[in-house]
């Protein structure tokens, strides 16, 4: 059912994966942790838990397995190797479950780190409008050698025979536009902003989807209505 080869995991290992529609659109991003030979924990966003559970139950068919919800508190720890931790999405971080740690970073600081690292997030860069390759998830969340899964055909076809029309990029902006603001180049819409953060020095960094033919150093501007 998942886009990555979770059966290849040894006990204690984990990998990111996607649950996709038949057309290759993202239903939910997951981190899969193999806790035992026949025990897999699928971590996702709180609002997606029941969506993932319901879809897996409907597709279970004759498989002899139990699918049950669990609730955990997650903390990211930066700059230290923690035994028993899972790889964090943001580079240099480890994810700990139910550690009871008090936060030392504000939500704004954490969001700034995520955006500067170019890490997509559900509800911002990842939703049912994007294809995995557009967000770079085909490099981390997809196995191109495992067996079939829903959405495999369009994901593989784009990987082997084409390329996405747009990709996720880190943007340096003069001002902070609203989310989903159009980005224009020479009067033409070439992308949209998905997340925005302001650095301590006042400069603005953002994530956005931009058409692949646009050079990295192109002077993009938010659309006039957004500005």
Protein backbone atom coordinates (compact mmCIF):
# COMPACT_ATOMS: atom_id res chain seq x y z
CA UNK A 1 0.00 0.00 0.00
CA UNK A 2 2.92 2.38 0.64
CA UNK A 3 5.40 3.96 -1.76
CA UNK A 4 8.56 2.82 0.03
CA UNK A 5 9.92 -0.68 0.68
CA UNK A 6 8.89 -1.08 4.31
CA UNK A 7 9.26 -4.87 4.19
CA UNK A 8 13.01 -4.40 3.70
CA UNK A 9 13.34 -2.66 7.08
CA UNK A 10 15.11 -4.50 9.86
CA UNK A 11 13.56 -4.38 13.32
CA UNK A 12 14.32 -0.95 14.77
CA UNK A 13 14.76 0.74 11.40
CA UNK A 14 12.47 3.34 9.87
CA UNK A 15 11.82 5.01 6.53
CA UNK A 16 9.60 7.78 5.14
CA UNK A 17 6.78 6.75 2.81
CA UNK A 18 3.63 8.03 1.15
CA UNK A 19 0.06 6.83 0.92
CA UNK A 20 -1.14 7.88 -2.53
CA UNK A 21 -4.26 7.93 -4.65
CA UNK A 22 -4.37 5.85 -7.84
CA UNK A 23 -3.41 9.04 -9.74
CA UNK A 24 -0.29 9.55 -7.63
CA UNK A 25 -1.62 12.38 -5.45
CA UNK A 26 -0.63 12.45 -1.78
CA UNK A 27 -3.16 11.17 0.76
CA UNK A 28 -0.70 11.25 3.68
CA UNK A 29 3.05 11.42 4.35
CA UNK A 30 4.26 8.77 6.80
CA UNK A 31 7.27 7.72 8.83
CA UNK A 32 7.23 3.92 9.15
CA UNK A 33 9.04 2.37 12.13
CA UNK A 34 9.41 -1.40 12.29
CA UNK A 35 9.10 -2.07 16.02
CA UNK A 36 9.00 -5.85 15.63
CA UNK A 37 8.96 -8.57 13.00
CA UNK A 38 5.21 -8.09 12.54
CA UNK A 39 4.75 -4.70 14.22
CA UNK A 40 4.89 -1.49 12.17
CA UNK A 41 4.12 1.96 13.59
CA UNK A 42 2.96 4.46 10.94
CA UNK A 43 3.49 8.01 12.17
CA UNK A 44 1.59 10.79 10.40
CA UNK A 45 0.01 14.16 11.14
CA UNK A 46 -2.67 14.07 13.88
CA UNK A 47 -5.43 15.17 11.49
CA UNK A 48 -4.51 12.37 9.05
CA UNK A 49 -4.54 9.45 11.48
CA UNK A 50 -8.12 8.40 10.88
CA UNK A 51 -7.77 8.94 7.12
CA UNK A 52 -4.78 6.57 7.00
CA UNK A 53 -6.44 4.01 9.26
CA UNK A 54 -9.69 4.04 7.31
CA UNK A 55 -8.01 3.63 3.94
CA UNK A 56 -5.81 0.77 5.13
CA UNK A 57 -8.81 -0.98 6.66
CA UNK A 58 -10.77 -0.71 3.40
CA UNK A 59 -7.85 -2.11 1.40
CA UNK A 60 -6.93 -4.85 3.85
CA UNK A 61 -9.01 -7.47 2.00
CA UNK A 62 -7.85 -10.92 3.13
CA UNK A 63 -4.59 -9.84 4.75
CA UNK A 64 -4.31 -11.23 8.28
CA UNK A 65 -3.37 -8.08 10.14
CA UNK A 66 -4.70 -5.73 12.80
CA UNK A 67 -4.80 -1.96 12.22
CA UNK A 68 -5.20 0.06 15.40
CA UNK A 69 -4.76 3.76 16.27
CA UNK A 70 -2.10 4.97 18.68
CA UNK A 71 -1.40 8.49 19.89
CA UNK A 72 2.12 9.75 20.62
CA UNK A 73 3.80 13.05 21.45
CA UNK A 74 6.76 13.86 19.21
CA UNK A 75 9.79 16.06 19.91
CA UNK A 76 12.64 17.09 17.62
CA UNK A 77 16.12 17.19 19.13
CA UNK A 78 18.83 19.07 17.21
CA UNK A 79 22.58 18.56 17.23
CA UNK A 80 22.76 15.28 19.16
CA UNK A 81 22.56 11.58 18.37
CA UNK A 82 19.86 10.13 20.60
CA UNK A 83 19.73 6.37 21.07
CA UNK A 84 16.35 5.06 20.05
CA UNK A 85 15.44 8.21 18.12
CA UNK A 86 13.99 8.29 14.65
CA UNK A 87 15.43 10.43 11.85
CA UNK A 88 13.86 13.88 11.97
CA UNK A 89 12.56 15.52 8.80
CA UNK A 90 14.72 18.62 9.31
CA UNK A 91 18.44 17.83 8.72
CA UNK A 92 20.41 17.51 11.93
CA UNK A 93 17.39 16.50 14.00
CA UNK A 94 16.24 13.33 15.71
CA UNK A 95 12.59 12.62 16.50
CA UNK A 96 11.80 11.24 19.95
CA UNK A 97 8.42 9.81 20.92
CA UNK A 98 6.83 10.43 24.30
CA UNK A 99 10.07 11.87 25.73
CA UNK A 100 8.33 14.49 27.86
CA UNK A 101 10.76 17.22 26.80
CA UNK A 102 9.96 20.90 27.27
CA UNK A 103 10.37 22.92 24.04
CA UNK A 104 13.35 25.27 23.82
CA UNK A 105 12.55 26.56 20.31
CA UNK A 106 9.51 28.67 19.57
CA UNK A 107 7.15 27.55 16.75
CA UNK A 108 8.45 30.50 14.70
CA UNK A 109 12.09 29.41 15.11
CA UNK A 110 11.23 25.83 14.18
CA UNK A 111 9.30 26.99 11.12
CA UNK A 112 12.27 29.13 10.04
CA UNK A 113 14.61 26.12 10.26
CA UNK A 114 12.19 24.01 8.23
CA UNK A 115 11.81 26.60 5.49
CA UNK A 116 15.53 27.32 5.23
CA UNK A 117 16.17 23.57 4.91
CA UNK A 118 13.56 23.26 2.14
CA UNK A 119 11.54 20.63 4.01
CA UNK A 120 7.91 20.33 2.80
CA UNK A 121 5.09 20.14 5.33
CA UNK A 122 1.60 18.72 5.15
CA UNK A 123 -1.01 21.41 4.60
CA UNK A 124 1.53 23.82 3.13
CA UNK A 125 3.78 22.20 0.53
CA UNK A 126 2.15 18.76 0.64
CA UNK A 127 -1.52 18.29 -0.17
CA UNK A 128 -3.69 16.55 -2.75
CA UNK A 129 -2.70 19.13 -5.39
CA UNK A 130 0.95 18.08 -5.67
CA UNK A 131 2.79 15.12 -7.12
CA UNK A 132 5.61 13.55 -5.02
CA UNK A 133 8.29 14.58 -7.54
CA UNK A 134 7.25 18.25 -7.34
CA UNK A 135 8.12 18.31 -3.63
CA UNK A 136 11.24 16.17 -4.07
CA UNK A 137 9.57 13.32 -2.19
CA UNK A 138 10.45 10.82 -4.93
CA UNK A 139 14.07 11.03 -3.69
CA UNK A 140 13.23 10.17 -0.07
CA UNK A 141 9.78 8.56 0.18
CA UNK A 142 9.60 6.31 -2.90
CA UNK A 143 11.20 2.99 -3.87
CA UNK A 144 11.38 2.34 -7.61
CA UNK A 145 12.26 -1.34 -7.13
CA UNK A 146 9.52 -2.58 -4.77
CA UNK A 147 6.24 -4.20 -5.74
CA UNK A 148 3.03 -2.49 -6.76
CA UNK A 149 1.20 0.11 -4.68
CA UNK A 150 -1.60 2.60 -5.42
CA UNK A 151 -0.22 5.45 -7.52
CA UNK A 152 2.89 3.56 -8.63
CA UNK A 153 2.27 3.91 -12.38
CA UNK A 154 2.08 7.74 -12.60
CA UNK A 155 4.95 8.14 -10.10
CA UNK A 156 7.20 5.74 -12.04
CA UNK A 157 6.20 7.16 -15.42
CA UNK A 158 7.14 10.68 -14.37
CA UNK A 159 10.43 9.45 -12.88
CA UNK A 160 11.60 7.39 -15.86
CA UNK A 161 10.02 9.18 -18.82
CA UNK A 162 9.58 12.82 -17.89
CA UNK A 163 9.98 15.46 -15.22
CA UNK A 164 7.65 17.60 -13.12
CA UNK A 165 6.62 20.98 -14.51
CA UNK A 166 7.40 22.69 -11.21
CA UNK A 167 9.61 22.03 -8.20
CA UNK A 168 9.81 23.20 -4.61
CA UNK A 169 12.42 25.91 -4.01
CA UNK A 170 13.72 28.08 -1.19
CA UNK A 171 13.02 31.74 -2.02
CA UNK A 172 14.58 34.99 -0.80
CA UNK A 173 11.94 37.74 -0.86
CA UNK A 174 11.94 41.46 -0.10
CA UNK A 175 8.54 41.34 1.59
CA UNK A 176 6.37 38.65 3.17
CA UNK A 177 3.45 37.81 0.85
CA UNK A 178 0.44 35.75 1.95
CA UNK A 179 0.49 31.98 1.51
CA UNK A 180 -0.46 30.79 -1.97
CA UNK A 181 0.43 34.18 -3.46
CA UNK A 182 1.33 33.93 -7.13
CA UNK A 183 4.94 34.50 -8.18
CA UNK A 184 5.50 36.33 -11.45
CA UNK A 185 8.45 36.74 -13.80
CA UNK A 186 8.28 39.30 -16.60
CA UNK A 187 4.55 39.63 -16.02
CA UNK A 188 3.81 35.88 -16.22
CA UNK A 189 2.76 33.66 -13.33
CA UNK A 190 5.49 31.05 -12.78
CA UNK A 191 4.72 29.72 -9.30
CA UNK A 192 3.16 30.22 -5.89
CA UNK A 193 4.34 30.76 -2.32
CA UNK A 194 3.51 28.04 0.23
CA UNK A 195 5.31 29.05 3.47
CA UNK A 196 6.93 32.28 4.69
CA UNK A 197 9.19 33.11 7.65
CA UNK A 198 11.10 36.19 8.76
CA UNK A 199 14.68 35.92 10.01
CA UNK A 200 15.89 37.83 13.10
CA UNK A 201 17.60 40.36 10.79
CA UNK A 202 14.26 41.12 9.13
CA UNK A 203 14.91 39.35 5.83
CA UNK A 204 12.23 37.06 4.43
CA UNK A 205 12.68 33.43 3.37
CA UNK A 206 9.94 31.33 1.83
CA UNK A 207 9.15 28.04 0.17
CA UNK A 208 7.28 27.90 -3.09
CA UNK A 209 6.62 25.92 -6.24
CA UNK A 210 8.30 27.41 -9.31
CA UNK A 211 8.29 26.19 -12.90
CA UNK A 212 11.40 24.18 -13.75
CA UNK A 213 12.47 26.43 -16.64
CA UNK A 214 12.84 29.43 -14.31
CA UNK A 215 16.55 29.97 -13.37
CA UNK A 216 17.46 29.81 -9.69
CA UNK A 217 18.64 33.43 -9.74
CA UNK A 218 15.55 34.82 -11.47
CA UNK A 219 14.11 37.97 -9.81
CA UNK A 220 10.62 36.71 -8.94
CA UNK A 221 7.99 39.04 -7.53
CA UNK A 222 4.68 38.37 -5.78
CA UNK A 223 1.66 39.16 -7.93
CA UNK A 224 0.43 42.77 -7.50
CA UNK A 225 -2.76 41.68 -5.72
CA UNK A 226 -0.71 39.73 -3.17
CA UNK A 227 1.82 42.55 -2.74
